[in-house]
Amino acid sequence: MRFTLSSSVLSSKLGTLAKVINSKNSLSILDSFLFEISNGQLTLTASDNANMMKCYIPLNECDGEGAFCVPNRIIQTAVKELAEQPLTFEVNTDDNSIRMIYQNGSYRIIGQNADEYPVLQPMAGGYTQTQVSAATLANNIQRTLFATANDELRMVMNGIYFDLKEESMNIVASDGHKMVRNMVFSCKTDVPAAFILPKKPAGLLRSVLGSDDENTVTIKFDANNAEIAFPDGILSCRLIEGRYPNYGAVIPNDNPNIVNVDRKGLMSALRRVMPFASESTQLIKLRLTLNNIELNSEDIDFSTSAHEDVICEYGGVPMSIGFKGSALFEILNNLTSDDVVIELGDPSRAGVIRPAEQPEGEDILMLIMPMILND
């Protein structure tokens, strides 16, 4: 069997698929990539048993069909230093010997039998299917992933919750201190359904989907598994089982004190005052007065403190409220609008942060829980 393809395309796909492979695997075959050649196309597969991703590469030339496995470190090392050029594989499927021929030389390696590699099982009946644009999914994963938890006791908090409703698809993540809820109105369903996508496959999707990709992604899921088909590949993964908390119940219905502030300006001020806050609490105190936010931080143990004024639009009652500085910074950093709107009730009520201008067809909301102020 002989086939030829672009060296840079192969290297790029291998780099993406390598993120699937664990450093230690229960099956030795999972340390390898699966190569399958059929109908003038190469299908590359990587798996860790819980997640399996396939990518498709059209071949420049192809003589024969078959399948073989190659250890991931060997093949990545072999192709990553090659400049863009045709790369030819000559494969003897009897002994799994592989010769890779490039412009100025060749490699010879021994592969493994493809029969040992796990097979992607198609979704059985009874699944839910929906479609969403690749750009929308990529952007929503990007702005949501940071809010997931690392909680061994509440595993459901460790993933992104996709809640399909009649009016929208809500994409939610929370660690108990901060929460993100994105509503996508272009994606809806007649029969409500939901699933929790673990962090690893969510990160894999973010790496393969472009933020300006106009293609459509098809999502199929049941109670245990999801299958997500994107333009040049497919991802199959196990889902997190369990009941996600009622995220709508923690969103305040009416926070009457509205702040409109430049996002980057507030982030810059936070960068300057956060180093002076206590390392254990990271408490940042916000003192709001007419058209002004005063940021204060203090570390009593080291006798350090900082404060800075930030101009804003604010006409509500004067108030002081405390937030964890790193959480507030992460929320602002995962928004893209020039200005943000901060909705506050009182020092004991969660703050709601929204972009001043919502993306078309979406509604983005981020929530941050307050911290107790000693004064």
Protein backbone atom coordinates (compact mmCIF):
# COMPACT_ATOMS: atom_id res chain seq x y z
CA MET A 1 0.00 0.00 0.00
CA ARG A 2 1.31 3.42 -0.98
CA PHE A 3 -0.12 6.89 -0.47
CA THR A 4 1.03 10.53 -0.53
CA LEU A 5 -0.19 13.56 1.41
CA SER A 6 0.90 16.99 2.61
CA SER A 7 3.46 16.83 5.43
CA SER A 8 2.21 20.04 7.10
CA VAL A 9 -1.43 18.92 7.03
CA LEU A 10 -0.47 15.59 8.60
CA SER A 11 1.63 17.32 11.27
CA SER A 12 -1.22 19.69 12.13
CA LYS A 13 -3.77 16.89 12.49
CA LEU A 14 -1.41 14.77 14.56
CA GLY A 15 -0.79 17.72 16.88
CA THR A 16 -4.53 18.09 17.43
CA LEU A 17 -5.17 14.37 17.95
CA ALA A 18 -2.19 14.01 20.32
CA LYS A 19 -4.21 15.96 22.93
CA VAL A 20 -6.56 12.97 23.15
CA ILE A 21 -3.83 10.50 24.13
CA ASN A 22 -3.05 10.15 27.84
CA SER A 23 0.52 9.99 29.14
CA LYS A 24 -0.33 6.58 30.65
CA ASN A 25 -2.87 4.25 29.04
CA SER A 26 -4.44 1.02 30.24
CA LEU A 27 -3.99 -0.44 26.73
CA SER A 28 -0.62 -0.06 25.01
CA ILE A 29 -2.31 0.31 21.61
CA LEU A 30 -3.80 3.63 22.82
CA ASP A 31 -0.29 5.13 22.70
CA SER A 32 -0.65 4.99 18.91
CA PHE A 33 -2.55 6.72 16.14
CA LEU A 34 -4.74 4.63 13.89
CA PHE A 35 -4.25 5.23 10.14
CA GLU A 36 -7.08 4.04 7.87
CA ILE A 37 -6.88 4.51 4.09
CA SER A 38 -10.07 4.17 2.08
CA ASN A 39 -11.61 5.86 -0.99
CA GLY A 40 -8.66 8.20 -1.46
CA GLN A 41 -8.89 9.52 2.09
CA LEU A 42 -6.86 9.05 5.27
CA THR A 43 -8.79 8.78 8.53
CA LEU A 44 -6.61 9.47 11.60
CA THR A 45 -7.87 8.30 15.00
CA ALA A 46 -6.73 8.85 18.59
CA SER A 47 -8.40 7.51 21.71
CA ASP A 48 -8.03 7.29 25.49
CA ASN A 49 -10.95 4.83 25.88
CA ALA A 50 -13.33 7.53 27.16
CA ASN A 51 -12.81 9.88 24.19
CA MET A 52 -12.17 9.11 20.54
CA MET A 53 -11.45 11.69 17.84
CA LYS A 54 -11.18 11.14 14.10
CA CYS A 55 -9.84 13.58 11.51
CA TYR A 56 -10.04 13.22 7.73
CA ILE A 57 -7.26 14.11 5.26
CA PRO A 58 -7.66 13.89 1.46
CA LEU A 59 -4.74 12.09 -0.19
CA ASN A 60 -2.73 13.43 -3.15
CA GLU A 61 -2.10 9.90 -4.41
CA CYS A 62 -3.33 6.51 -3.22
CA ASP A 63 -2.57 2.95 -4.28
CA GLY A 64 -4.39 0.40 -2.14
CA GLU A 65 -6.42 0.45 1.05
CA GLY A 66 -5.78 -0.76 4.58
CA ALA A 67 -5.12 0.19 8.19
CA PHE A 68 -2.18 0.28 10.60
CA CYS A 69 -1.13 1.92 13.88
CA VAL A 70 1.92 4.08 14.57
CA PRO A 71 3.25 5.11 18.02
CA ASN A 72 2.37 8.76 18.54
CA ARG A 73 5.78 10.04 19.66
CA ILE A 74 7.62 8.44 16.76
CA ILE A 75 5.30 9.74 14.04
CA GLN A 76 5.07 13.25 15.53
CA THR A 77 8.86 13.49 15.82
CA ALA A 78 9.22 12.24 12.25
CA VAL A 79 6.99 14.86 10.62
CA LYS A 80 7.07 17.99 12.80
CA GLU A 81 10.46 19.20 11.51
CA LEU A 82 9.61 18.68 7.84
CA ALA A 83 8.90 21.71 5.68
CA GLU A 84 5.73 21.66 3.58
CA GLN A 85 6.24 18.96 0.95
CA PRO A 86 4.67 15.72 -0.33
CA LEU A 87 5.19 12.87 2.12
CA THR A 88 4.86 9.32 0.79
CA PHE A 89 4.06 6.26 2.91
CA GLU A 90 4.95 2.77 1.71
CA VAL A 91 3.29 0.23 4.03
CA ASN A 92 3.70 -3.53 4.14
CA THR A 93 0.57 -4.68 5.97
CA ASP A 94 2.01 -8.22 6.40
CA ASP A 95 4.72 -7.16 8.87
CA ASN A 96 3.49 -3.55 9.53
CA SER A 97 6.77 -2.07 8.28
CA ILE A 98 6.42 1.55 7.17
CA ARG A 99 8.72 3.63 4.99
CA MET A 100 8.12 7.39 4.92
CA ILE A 101 9.77 9.13 1.98
CA TYR A 102 10.31 12.89 1.90
CA GLN A 103 12.28 15.23 -0.35
CA ASN A 104 15.78 14.63 1.06
CA GLY A 105 15.48 11.33 2.87
CA SER A 106 13.29 8.67 4.39
CA TYR A 107 12.28 7.08 7.70
CA ARG A 108 11.66 3.42 8.39
CA ILE A 109 9.54 2.39 11.38
CA ILE A 110 7.51 -0.58 12.54
CA GLY A 111 3.81 -0.06 13.17
CA GLN A 112 1.24 -2.18 14.99
CA ASN A 113 -1.73 -4.27 13.95
CA ALA A 114 -4.85 -2.13 13.50
CA ASP A 115 -7.13 -4.98 14.61
CA GLU A 116 -6.18 -4.30 18.24
CA TYR A 117 -7.41 -0.69 18.12
CA PRO A 118 -10.83 0.13 19.70
CA VAL A 119 -13.69 0.60 17.24
CA LEU A 120 -16.00 3.63 17.33
CA GLN A 121 -19.47 2.31 18.02
CA PRO A 122 -22.25 4.26 16.24
CA MET A 123 -24.96 5.84 18.36
CA ALA A 124 -27.87 3.48 18.92
CA GLY A 125 -31.50 4.56 18.67
CA GLY A 126 -33.09 6.88 21.19
CA TYR A 127 -30.58 9.72 20.96
CA THR A 128 -31.22 13.45 20.68
CA GLN A 129 -29.76 15.38 17.75
CA THR A 130 -29.22 19.10 17.27
CA GLN A 131 -27.09 21.39 15.10
CA VAL A 132 -25.19 24.56 15.86
CA SER A 133 -22.70 26.66 13.91
CA ALA A 134 -19.04 25.79 14.53
CA ALA A 135 -18.18 29.40 15.40
CA THR A 136 -20.99 29.65 17.96
CA LEU A 137 -19.97 26.41 19.64
CA ALA A 138 -16.27 27.34 19.67
CA ASN A 139 -16.92 30.79 21.13
CA ASN A 140 -19.27 29.48 23.80
CA ILE A 141 -16.85 26.77 24.90
CA GLN A 142 -14.07 29.36 24.99
CA ARG A 143 -15.98 31.70 27.30
CA THR A 144 -17.43 28.92 29.47
CA LEU A 145 -14.64 26.42 30.10
CA PHE A 146 -12.83 28.57 32.69
CA ALA A 147 -15.83 28.43 35.05
CA THR A 148 -15.91 24.63 35.37
CA ALA A 149 -14.95 23.13 38.73
CA ASN A 150 -12.44 20.52 39.91
CA ASP A 151 -14.66 18.84 42.46
CA GLU A 152 -14.25 15.12 43.18
CA LEU A 153 -17.44 15.07 45.26
CA ARG A 154 -19.70 16.83 42.74
CA MET A 155 -18.58 15.49 39.39
CA VAL A 156 -21.44 17.20 37.54
CA MET A 157 -19.76 20.56 38.21
CA ASN A 158 -16.62 19.45 36.36
CA GLY A 159 -18.11 19.85 32.89
CA ILE A 160 -20.10 22.16 30.64
CA TYR A 161 -23.87 21.74 30.85
CA PHE A 162 -25.78 21.87 27.55
CA ASP A 163 -29.45 22.49 28.31
CA LEU A 164 -31.68 22.32 25.22
CA LYS A 165 -35.00 24.10 25.68
CA GLU A 166 -37.86 25.11 23.42
CA GLU A 167 -36.60 28.68 23.11
CA SER A 168 -32.79 28.24 23.20
CA MET A 169 -29.81 26.09 24.04
CA ASN A 170 -28.27 27.20 27.33
CA ILE A 171 -24.57 26.48 27.80
CA VAL A 172 -23.65 26.66 31.49
CA ALA A 173 -20.61 26.16 33.73
CA SER A 174 -20.08 26.90 37.42
CA ASP A 175 -17.65 26.13 40.23
CA GLY A 176 -19.93 27.47 42.96
CA HIS A 177 -18.17 30.86 43.12
CA LYS A 178 -18.70 32.01 39.55
CA MET A 179 -21.07 30.96 36.79
CA VAL A 180 -21.44 31.45 33.06
CA ARG A 181 -24.76 31.05 31.24
CA ASN A 182 -24.89 31.50 27.48
CA MET A 183 -28.22 31.36 25.65
CA VAL A 184 -28.06 30.44 21.94
CA PHE A 185 -31.42 31.24 20.36
CA SER A 186 -30.61 29.69 16.98
CA CYS A 187 -30.44 26.23 18.56
CA LYS A 188 -33.61 24.89 20.16
CA THR A 189 -35.68 21.72 20.45
CA ASP A 190 -39.29 20.70 20.78
CA VAL A 191 -38.43 18.09 23.42
CA PRO A 192 -36.19 19.42 26.24
CA ALA A 193 -32.95 17.47 26.71
CA ALA A 194 -29.57 18.03 28.36
CA PHE A 195 -26.07 16.60 28.75
CA ILE A 196 -22.85 17.43 30.64
CA LEU A 197 -19.73 17.53 28.47
CA PRO A 198 -16.46 16.83 30.36
CA LYS A 199 -13.63 19.32 30.19
CA LYS A 200 -11.28 17.25 28.06
CA PRO A 201 -13.56 16.76 25.03
CA ALA A 202 -14.72 20.38 25.41
CA GLY A 203 -11.10 21.51 25.15
CA LEU A 204 -10.56 19.23 22.15
CA LEU A 205 -13.52 20.80 20.37
CA ARG A 206 -12.23 24.27 21.12
CA SER A 207 -8.90 23.36 19.49
CA VAL A 208 -10.46 22.09 16.23
CA LEU A 209 -13.29 24.59 15.75
CA GLY A 210 -12.53 28.09 14.50
CA SER A 211 -14.11 31.18 16.05
CA ASP A 212 -15.09 32.36 12.55
CA ASP A 213 -16.00 28.93 11.12
CA GLU A 214 -19.31 29.14 9.23
CA ASN A 215 -19.74 25.35 9.01
CA THR A 216 -22.34 23.41 10.99
CA VAL A 217 -21.62 21.00 13.83
CA THR A 218 -24.01 18.09 14.46
CA ILE A 219 -24.39 16.90 18.06
CA LYS A 220 -25.93 13.53 18.93
CA PHE A 221 -26.24 12.43 22.55
CA ASP A 222 -28.02 10.02 24.85
CA ALA A 223 -27.77 9.42 28.59
CA ASN A 224 -24.17 8.19 28.47
CA ASN A 225 -22.38 9.26 25.29
CA ALA A 226 -22.13 12.09 22.77
CA GLU A 227 -21.02 12.11 19.15
CA ILE A 228 -20.07 15.50 17.72
CA ALA A 229 -19.43 15.73 13.97
CA PHE A 230 -17.50 18.76 12.69
CA PRO A 231 -16.47 19.55 9.08
CA ASP A 232 -13.33 17.38 8.87
CA GLY A 233 -13.76 14.95 11.75
CA ILE A 234 -15.80 13.51 14.57
CA LEU A 235 -15.48 13.34 18.36
CA SER A 236 -17.08 10.61 20.45
CA CYS A 237 -16.98 10.87 24.25
CA ARG A 238 -18.52 9.66 27.46
CA LEU A 239 -20.68 12.16 29.28
CA ILE A 240 -20.75 13.04 32.97
CA GLU A 241 -23.75 11.36 34.52
CA GLY A 242 -25.86 13.08 37.14
CA ARG A 243 -28.30 15.92 37.67
CA TYR A 244 -26.96 19.44 37.16
CA PRO A 245 -28.01 22.02 39.79
CA ASN A 246 -30.82 24.47 39.02
CA TYR A 247 -28.61 27.26 37.70
CA GLY A 248 -31.54 29.59 37.05
CA ALA A 249 -32.38 29.74 40.76
CA VAL A 250 -29.12 31.54 41.66
CA ILE A 251 -29.50 34.34 39.09
CA PRO A 252 -30.92 37.45 40.83
CA ASN A 253 -34.17 38.66 39.30
CA ASP A 254 -33.58 42.32 40.09
CA ASN A 255 -30.22 43.95 40.76
CA PRO A 256 -31.15 47.65 40.56
CA ASN A 257 -27.66 49.19 40.85
CA ILE A 258 -26.20 49.28 37.34
CA VAL A 259 -22.53 49.96 36.52
CA ASN A 260 -21.33 50.52 32.95
CA VAL A 261 -17.53 50.40 32.75
CA ASP A 262 -14.72 49.94 30.25
CA ARG A 263 -13.75 46.28 30.46
CA LYS A 264 -10.04 46.60 29.68
CA GLY A 265 -9.67 49.59 31.98
CA LEU A 266 -11.15 47.66 34.89
CA MET A 267 -8.96 44.65 34.10
CA SER A 268 -5.84 46.84 34.10
CA ALA A 269 -6.77 48.29 37.49
CA LEU A 270 -7.36 44.79 38.87
CA ARG A 271 -3.91 43.71 37.67
CA ARG A 272 -2.34 46.54 39.65
CA VAL A 273 -4.20 46.08 42.95
CA MET A 274 -4.44 42.25 43.08
CA PRO A 275 -0.77 41.68 44.04
CA PHE A 276 -1.42 43.60 47.28
CA ALA A 277 -4.38 41.45 48.34
CA SER A 278 -4.16 38.55 50.77
CA GLU A 279 -2.95 35.42 49.00
CA SER A 280 -5.45 33.27 50.89
CA THR A 281 -8.60 35.29 50.13
CA GLN A 282 -7.65 37.43 47.10
CA LEU A 283 -10.34 39.82 48.34
CA ILE A 284 -10.86 42.98 46.30
CA LYS A 285 -13.23 45.56 47.79
CA LEU A 286 -15.23 47.68 45.35
CA ARG A 287 -16.52 50.99 46.71
CA LEU A 288 -19.12 52.45 44.32
CA THR A 289 -20.03 56.13 44.32
CA LEU A 290 -21.36 58.45 41.63
CA ASN A 291 -19.59 57.52 38.35
CA ASN A 292 -16.65 55.99 40.20
CA ILE A 293 -15.39 52.58 41.34
CA GLU A 294 -12.68 52.53 44.00
CA LEU A 295 -10.76 49.25 44.05
CA ASN A 296 -9.10 48.37 47.37
CA SER A 297 -6.89 45.46 48.36
CA GLU A 298 -5.03 44.75 51.58
CA ASP A 299 -2.78 42.12 53.11
CA ILE A 300 -2.67 42.65 56.85
CA ASP A 301 0.03 40.01 57.41
CA PHE A 302 2.53 41.85 55.18
CA SER A 303 1.23 45.41 55.81
CA THR A 304 0.59 46.04 52.13
CA SER A 305 -2.38 47.71 50.49
CA ALA A 306 -3.46 49.36 47.25
CA HIS A 307 -6.35 51.36 45.91
CA GLU A 308 -7.24 52.79 42.51
CA ASP A 309 -10.17 54.75 41.11
CA VAL A 310 -11.82 53.72 37.86
CA ILE A 311 -14.23 56.03 36.04
CA CYS A 312 -17.57 54.45 35.15
CA GLU A 313 -21.25 55.23 34.64
CA TYR A 314 -23.01 54.67 37.95
CA GLY A 315 -25.99 56.42 39.48
CA GLY A 316 -27.10 53.87 42.08
CA VAL A 317 -26.81 54.02 45.85
CA PRO A 318 -23.27 54.20 47.29
CA MET A 319 -22.20 50.74 48.36
CA SER A 320 -19.21 48.51 49.08
CA ILE A 321 -18.99 44.92 47.91
CA GLY A 322 -16.19 42.35 47.93
CA PHE A 323 -15.23 39.88 45.21
CA LYS A 324 -12.44 37.37 44.73
CA GLY A 325 -10.05 39.26 42.49
CA SER A 326 -8.95 36.32 40.33
CA ALA A 327 -12.58 35.27 39.70
CA LEU A 328 -13.59 38.81 38.69
CA PHE A 329 -10.57 39.10 36.40
CA GLU A 330 -11.31 35.73 34.73
CA ILE A 331 -14.88 36.77 34.02
CA LEU A 332 -13.81 40.06 32.44
CA ASN A 333 -11.04 38.31 30.49
CA ASN A 334 -13.50 35.86 28.94
CA LEU A 335 -15.76 38.59 27.59
CA THR A 336 -14.90 40.39 24.37
CA SER A 337 -17.04 43.54 24.40
CA ASP A 338 -15.42 46.94 24.97
CA ASP A 339 -17.79 47.76 27.85
CA VAL A 340 -19.46 45.57 30.43
CA VAL A 341 -22.58 46.08 32.54
CA ILE A 342 -22.34 45.04 36.20
CA GLU A 343 -25.67 44.60 37.97
CA LEU A 344 -25.57 44.74 41.78
CA GLY A 345 -28.20 44.43 44.51
CA ASP A 346 -26.54 44.60 47.91
CA PRO A 347 -23.22 43.38 49.38
CA SER A 348 -24.67 39.92 50.12
CA ARG A 349 -26.22 39.29 46.69
CA ALA A 350 -24.47 37.85 43.65
CA GLY A 351 -23.28 40.29 41.02
CA VAL A 352 -24.30 39.81 37.38
CA ILE A 353 -21.93 40.82 34.58
CA ARG A 354 -23.01 41.09 30.94
CA PRO A 355 -21.38 42.47 27.79
CA ALA A 356 -22.73 45.92 26.92
CA GLU A 357 -23.44 44.57 23.43
CA GLN A 358 -24.64 40.98 23.13
CA PRO A 359 -23.55 38.85 20.15
CA GLU A 360 -26.28 38.40 17.57
CA GLY A 361 -28.67 35.62 18.53
CA GLU A 362 -27.11 35.09 21.96
CA ASP A 363 -27.49 36.25 25.56
CA ILE A 364 -24.34 36.06 27.71
CA LEU A 365 -24.53 36.30 31.48
CA MET A 366 -21.77 35.78 34.04
CA LEU A 367 -22.37 35.66 37.77
CA ILE A 368 -19.94 36.11 40.66
CA MET A 369 -20.64 35.45 44.33
CA PRO A 370 -19.65 38.18 46.82
CA MET A 371 -17.20 37.82 49.72
CA ILE A 372 -17.87 39.01 53.27
CA LEU A 373 -16.36 42.38 54.17
CA ASN A 374 -15.11 42.86 57.71
CA ASP A 375 -16.31 46.46 57.77
